[in-house]
Amino acid sequence: MNRIIITIFLIIPTFLLSQNDCKKYVDKYIPTDLNDAISFFECKWSKDDLNDYKTEDEQKATTELHSGTGRSIRNSWKLWAGTSEISKYFKDLGIHHPDDMSSIILTSLHRKLNDKPIELEKQIQFYKNYWAESKRKEIEHKEKEFSEFKIGDKIEFLYEYDFISKGQERKYMNDKCFVTAIVIDLNKEKFELKVKLLKSCDKRGIIISEYDVWDEMDGKLVKTEEDKIEVMKKGETRWTSYDLWETSE
């Protein structure tokens, strides 16, 4: 009899602890780390949903949730903004892309449900290797394209950031004017061309960059200007990205 009573008392506190842990996962709660994220789903998903996810093949299960649940994780947990604790947790581990963060979370949840080792370090290394190889291929591709440019080459503008005016667009579409420049210098490390603009087909020049301006305010990044453009006028000499241009035939 005493053994039965002791057993009951040992079970009840564990049950209550589990219930209390789930109470913190209120609406808009953002987990702080991987374990917290796994607990979030274990508490918020129904038993049927957890079982369905558990019994499906890992690759198929995580892939199917990437665009739905994964997108929700990336947005509501501020992985894109990079301001949440869980985002900083992953960045400290060397994981910087929100897609990778959400994939690790979903993969780890699946493995936890199936009593398999999460192998976080291996997951991290997989994404590090992926981005290292991607970067290597990107540089290799850029080096090949950049090698086509030589000092003294006459080059044509590709309008990567649209036309500065409708008139400029019409001239281009009607083959009446192509924006041209001459290569003055090369920066192989940054893949940049120093060019002198010879023809702009509009007195206002050409748009060579477009970007949003972010400033830090009260410890947070705030967008202070959207779609800011930089213009280069005829006769000016500037360093520009090589992919704004192509060599003239």
Protein backbone atom coordinates (compact mmCIF):
# COMPACT_ATOMS: atom_id res chain seq x y z
CA MET A 1 0.00 0.00 0.00
CA ASN A 2 2.79 2.39 0.90
CA ARG A 3 4.49 1.69 -2.43
CA ILE A 4 1.30 2.58 -4.33
CA ILE A 5 0.95 5.90 -2.47
CA ILE A 6 4.60 6.79 -3.06
CA THR A 7 4.27 5.97 -6.77
CA ILE A 8 1.20 8.19 -7.10
CA PHE A 9 3.00 11.11 -5.48
CA LEU A 10 5.97 10.62 -7.82
CA ILE A 11 3.73 10.69 -10.90
CA ILE A 12 1.55 13.67 -9.98
CA PRO A 13 4.34 16.30 -9.65
CA THR A 14 5.77 15.28 -13.06
CA PHE A 15 2.35 15.62 -14.68
CA LEU A 16 1.76 19.02 -13.12
CA LEU A 17 5.19 20.24 -14.17
CA SER A 18 4.45 19.30 -17.77
CA GLN A 19 1.15 21.22 -17.68
CA ASN A 20 2.76 24.29 -16.12
CA ASP A 21 5.47 24.31 -18.79
CA CYS A 22 2.86 24.45 -21.55
CA LYS A 23 1.06 27.41 -19.99
CA LYS A 24 3.80 29.80 -21.02
CA TYR A 25 3.18 29.17 -24.73
CA VAL A 26 0.59 31.88 -25.19
CA ASP A 27 -0.23 33.64 -28.46
CA LYS A 28 2.75 35.47 -30.01
CA TYR A 29 5.19 33.61 -27.71
CA ILE A 30 8.65 33.36 -29.27
CA PRO A 31 10.91 30.49 -28.11
CA THR A 32 14.40 31.31 -26.92
CA ASP A 33 16.34 28.30 -28.23
CA LEU A 34 15.94 24.96 -29.98
CA ASN A 35 14.72 23.02 -26.95
CA ASP A 36 12.14 25.71 -26.24
CA ALA A 37 10.98 25.59 -29.87
CA ILE A 38 10.52 21.81 -29.72
CA SER A 39 8.56 22.14 -26.48
CA PHE A 40 6.41 24.80 -28.11
CA PHE A 41 5.21 22.39 -30.78
CA GLU A 42 4.82 19.52 -28.33
CA CYS A 43 2.50 21.74 -26.29
CA LYS A 44 0.64 23.56 -29.07
CA TRP A 45 0.06 20.74 -31.55
CA SER A 46 -2.63 18.15 -30.92
CA LYS A 47 -1.66 14.52 -30.28
CA ASP A 48 -2.98 13.59 -33.72
CA ASP A 49 -0.91 16.30 -35.44
CA LEU A 50 2.22 15.26 -33.55
CA ASN A 51 1.64 11.61 -34.40
CA ASP A 52 1.02 12.38 -38.10
CA TYR A 53 4.27 14.34 -38.22
CA LYS A 54 6.14 11.66 -36.31
CA THR A 55 5.09 8.76 -38.53
CA GLU A 56 5.95 10.48 -41.82
CA ASP A 57 9.39 10.17 -43.42
CA GLU A 58 11.70 12.88 -42.03
CA GLN A 59 12.67 14.43 -45.36
CA LYS A 60 9.10 14.42 -46.65
CA ALA A 61 7.67 15.73 -43.37
CA THR A 62 10.05 18.67 -43.07
CA THR A 63 9.81 19.55 -46.77
CA GLU A 64 6.01 19.62 -46.67
CA LEU A 65 6.03 22.04 -43.73
CA HIS A 66 8.74 24.36 -45.09
CA SER A 67 6.34 26.72 -46.90
CA GLY A 68 3.53 26.66 -44.32
CA THR A 69 4.66 26.09 -40.75
CA GLY A 70 8.21 26.99 -41.72
CA ARG A 71 7.14 30.37 -43.11
CA SER A 72 5.13 31.03 -39.95
CA ILE A 73 8.20 30.28 -37.84
CA ARG A 74 10.39 32.56 -39.91
CA ASN A 75 7.93 35.45 -39.76
CA SER A 76 6.28 35.27 -36.34
CA TRP A 77 9.48 34.31 -34.53
CA LYS A 78 11.30 37.23 -36.20
CA LEU A 79 13.95 35.09 -37.83
CA TRP A 80 14.07 37.39 -40.86
CA ALA A 81 14.27 40.49 -38.68
CA GLY A 82 17.01 38.84 -36.61
CA THR A 83 15.81 40.51 -33.41
CA SER A 84 14.44 37.56 -31.41
CA GLU A 85 16.36 35.49 -28.87
CA ILE A 86 16.02 32.33 -30.94
CA SER A 87 17.39 34.12 -33.99
CA LYS A 88 20.41 35.26 -31.99
CA TYR A 89 20.73 31.74 -30.56
CA PHE A 90 21.12 30.28 -34.06
CA LYS A 91 23.45 33.04 -35.22
CA ASP A 92 25.73 32.27 -32.28
CA LEU A 93 25.84 28.70 -33.60
CA GLY A 94 26.86 29.93 -37.05
CA ILE A 95 23.41 29.61 -38.68
CA HIS A 96 22.38 32.89 -40.30
CA HIS A 97 19.69 32.11 -42.86
CA PRO A 98 16.07 31.91 -41.56
CA ASP A 99 15.31 29.00 -43.91
CA ASP A 100 18.08 27.00 -42.25
CA MET A 101 16.87 27.92 -38.77
CA SER A 102 13.30 26.77 -39.44
CA SER A 103 14.55 23.57 -41.11
CA ILE A 104 16.69 22.69 -38.10
CA ILE A 105 13.75 23.30 -35.78
CA LEU A 106 11.39 21.07 -37.80
CA THR A 107 14.00 18.35 -38.29
CA SER A 108 14.89 18.35 -34.60
CA LEU A 109 11.22 18.14 -33.63
CA HIS A 110 10.72 15.12 -35.91
CA ARG A 111 13.75 13.35 -34.44
CA LYS A 112 12.69 14.13 -30.88
CA LEU A 113 9.23 12.65 -31.51
CA ASN A 114 10.87 9.51 -32.91
CA ASP A 115 13.35 9.22 -30.02
CA LYS A 116 16.26 9.74 -32.42
CA PRO A 117 19.41 11.77 -31.72
CA ILE A 118 18.89 15.37 -32.87
CA GLU A 119 22.56 15.67 -33.90
CA LEU A 120 22.49 19.45 -33.85
CA GLU A 121 26.19 19.79 -34.62
CA LYS A 122 25.83 17.68 -37.76
CA GLN A 123 22.83 19.71 -38.88
CA ILE A 124 24.78 22.92 -38.36
CA GLN A 125 27.78 21.57 -40.27
CA PHE A 126 25.54 20.54 -43.16
CA TYR A 127 24.35 24.12 -43.67
CA LYS A 128 27.80 25.57 -43.16
CA ASN A 129 29.15 23.24 -45.85
CA TYR A 130 26.25 24.12 -48.14
CA TRP A 131 26.89 27.86 -47.91
CA ALA A 132 30.66 27.43 -48.22
CA GLU A 133 30.20 25.44 -51.43
CA SER A 134 27.60 27.90 -52.69
CA LYS A 135 30.01 30.78 -52.04
CA ARG A 136 32.83 28.94 -53.82
CA LYS A 137 30.68 28.39 -56.90
CA GLU A 138 29.47 32.00 -56.83
CA ILE A 139 33.03 33.33 -56.76
CA GLU A 140 34.04 30.94 -59.51
CA HIS A 141 31.15 32.16 -61.65
CA LYS A 142 31.97 35.82 -60.98
CA GLU A 143 35.65 35.31 -61.81
CA LYS A 144 34.71 33.80 -65.15
CA GLU A 145 32.34 36.67 -66.03
CA PHE A 146 34.68 39.36 -64.70
CA SER A 147 37.56 38.04 -66.82
CA GLU A 148 35.68 39.18 -69.93
CA PHE A 149 36.29 42.86 -69.05
CA LYS A 150 39.55 44.61 -69.95
CA ILE A 151 40.79 48.15 -69.36
CA GLY A 152 39.84 50.26 -72.37
CA ASP A 153 36.79 48.16 -73.25
CA LYS A 154 33.69 49.96 -74.39
CA ILE A 155 30.75 48.50 -72.46
CA GLU A 156 26.95 48.78 -72.49
CA PHE A 157 24.61 49.34 -69.54
CA LEU A 158 22.07 46.64 -68.60
CA TYR A 159 19.51 48.75 -66.69
CA GLU A 160 19.43 46.47 -63.64
CA TYR A 161 17.52 49.14 -61.69
CA ASP A 162 15.13 50.25 -64.43
CA PHE A 163 15.25 53.35 -66.60
CA ILE A 164 15.53 56.86 -65.26
CA SER A 165 12.74 58.06 -67.55
CA LYS A 166 10.20 56.84 -70.08
CA GLY A 167 12.14 58.71 -72.76
CA GLN A 168 15.29 56.78 -71.98
CA GLU A 169 13.32 53.53 -72.10
CA ARG A 170 11.76 54.38 -75.47
CA LYS A 171 15.16 55.20 -76.96
CA TYR A 172 16.51 51.88 -75.75
CA MET A 173 13.52 49.87 -76.96
CA ASN A 174 13.62 51.59 -80.37
CA ASP A 175 17.39 50.95 -80.71
CA LYS A 176 17.98 54.70 -80.89
CA CYS A 177 20.37 54.94 -77.95
CA PHE A 178 22.39 52.53 -75.82
CA VAL A 179 24.06 53.73 -72.64
CA THR A 180 27.80 53.19 -72.99
CA ALA A 181 30.92 53.62 -70.87
CA ILE A 182 34.62 52.86 -71.03
CA VAL A 183 36.50 50.71 -68.50
CA ILE A 184 39.15 52.79 -66.72
CA ASP A 185 40.27 50.28 -64.06
CA LEU A 186 39.47 46.85 -62.57
CA ASN A 187 39.11 45.64 -58.97
CA LYS A 188 39.32 41.85 -59.11
CA GLU A 189 38.79 41.40 -55.36
CA LYS A 190 35.47 43.29 -55.29
CA PHE A 191 34.46 42.45 -58.87
CA GLU A 192 34.09 46.14 -59.66
CA LEU A 193 34.74 48.22 -62.75
CA LYS A 194 35.86 51.82 -62.71
CA VAL A 195 34.01 53.32 -65.64
CA LYS A 196 33.57 56.65 -67.37
CA LEU A 197 30.03 57.18 -68.67
CA LEU A 198 30.15 58.16 -72.34
CA LYS A 199 26.46 58.22 -73.24
CA SER A 200 23.37 58.24 -70.98
CA CYS A 201 20.46 58.85 -73.41
CA ASP A 202 18.97 61.19 -70.78
CA LYS A 203 20.49 64.29 -69.22
CA ARG A 204 19.63 62.97 -65.75
CA GLY A 205 21.95 60.01 -66.29
CA ILE A 206 21.41 56.36 -65.32
CA ILE A 207 20.34 54.53 -62.14
CA ILE A 208 23.32 52.50 -60.90
CA SER A 209 21.89 51.36 -57.55
CA GLU A 210 18.66 51.17 -55.56
CA TYR A 211 18.41 50.28 -51.88
CA ASP A 212 16.56 50.82 -48.60
CA VAL A 213 18.19 52.97 -45.92
CA TRP A 214 18.23 51.56 -42.37
CA ASP A 215 19.26 53.50 -39.27
CA GLU A 216 19.65 52.34 -35.69
CA MET A 217 17.15 53.92 -33.30
CA ASP A 218 16.86 52.93 -29.65
CA GLY A 219 18.84 49.77 -30.31
CA LYS A 220 16.65 48.72 -33.26
CA LEU A 221 17.12 48.96 -37.02
CA VAL A 222 14.47 51.18 -38.57
CA LYS A 223 13.89 51.70 -42.29
CA THR A 224 14.20 55.46 -42.82
CA GLU A 225 14.10 55.54 -46.61
CA GLU A 226 12.78 53.07 -49.16
CA ASP A 227 14.08 52.50 -52.69
CA LYS A 228 16.74 55.19 -52.56
CA ILE A 229 18.47 55.49 -55.92
CA GLU A 230 21.97 56.55 -56.93
CA VAL A 231 22.45 58.21 -60.30
CA MET A 232 25.49 58.45 -62.54
CA LYS A 233 25.62 61.22 -65.15
CA LYS A 234 27.37 61.46 -68.50
CA GLY A 235 31.07 62.29 -68.11
CA GLU A 236 31.27 60.96 -64.52
CA THR A 237 33.77 58.30 -63.46
CA ARG A 238 32.78 55.79 -60.76
CA TRP A 239 33.38 52.34 -59.40
CA THR A 240 30.39 50.13 -60.16
CA SER A 241 29.51 46.45 -59.94
CA TYR A 242 30.59 44.55 -63.06
CA ASP A 243 27.16 42.93 -63.47
CA LEU A 244 25.61 46.27 -64.44
CA TRP A 245 27.45 46.06 -67.74
CA GLU A 246 28.20 43.84 -70.69
CA THR A 247 30.98 44.04 -73.21
CA SER A 248 30.07 45.52 -76.58
CA GLU A 249 30.21 43.15 -79.51
